């Protein structure tokens, strides 16, 4: 994996939201460990240019609460199962990062002390100050909230300079670029435009939370090699959502 030495980041402390689907690779479900290792390598490159990083990992590759609720499962139970899936993904990511020599901590909003630490805000901040990569698991710990909202909440609590959302495309488009070849990418958007246009970037609660706390959202492709560092330095393609 190439290093990112010599590049200058635009942000000092960031939260990276990685969807569960991003960990599937070319598969239809589950965890593709080669993909996890590639993403871990991208995070290592970002760490090497001096960025303090925390992560929120989704669980949609293992269990998606909304889909199961739609099939008749009680919504809160389905959401709790989804939260447990995020813990599995967090442990997989931790393993990949530590194999690369990085120090990590998994902090879960649902206590399971045999495998990870409970989420305590001051402890999480202290881990970041010590140079550790903090992985937040189990969403907010409450049903009816997405991991996007959990990412916005943790970014605010950690005092992050920006929230980075890794997706399968290199930014926010006027339409789905995989289906509409005429779709164009936005370089910048305001939070208000995202809500008014009903652009499917993050859910409305997450957008409102980042707007209230003046946290820019940077949407980029985590499927591309060098995507994380490219978004951090501004050298890669991305869309920035902010009112500044």
Foldseek 3Di string as FASTA:
>chain_A
DDAQPPFAFPWAEEEEEAELVQQQVPHQADGDLVSLLLLLVLVVNVVNNRHQYEYEYWQVRHADLVVVVVVPDDNFVSLQVRLVSSVVVLVSNCVSNVVVVAAEFEEECDDDPVRHHHDDLVVVLVCSVVVHYYYYTSQNVGTPDGNLLSQLVSCLSNVTQAYEYADQAAEFWLDPCVVDVPIDHAQEEELVVCVVSVGPPDDNNSSVSCQVSQHKYKYGHSPDRNTSVCSRRVNGGIYIYGPD
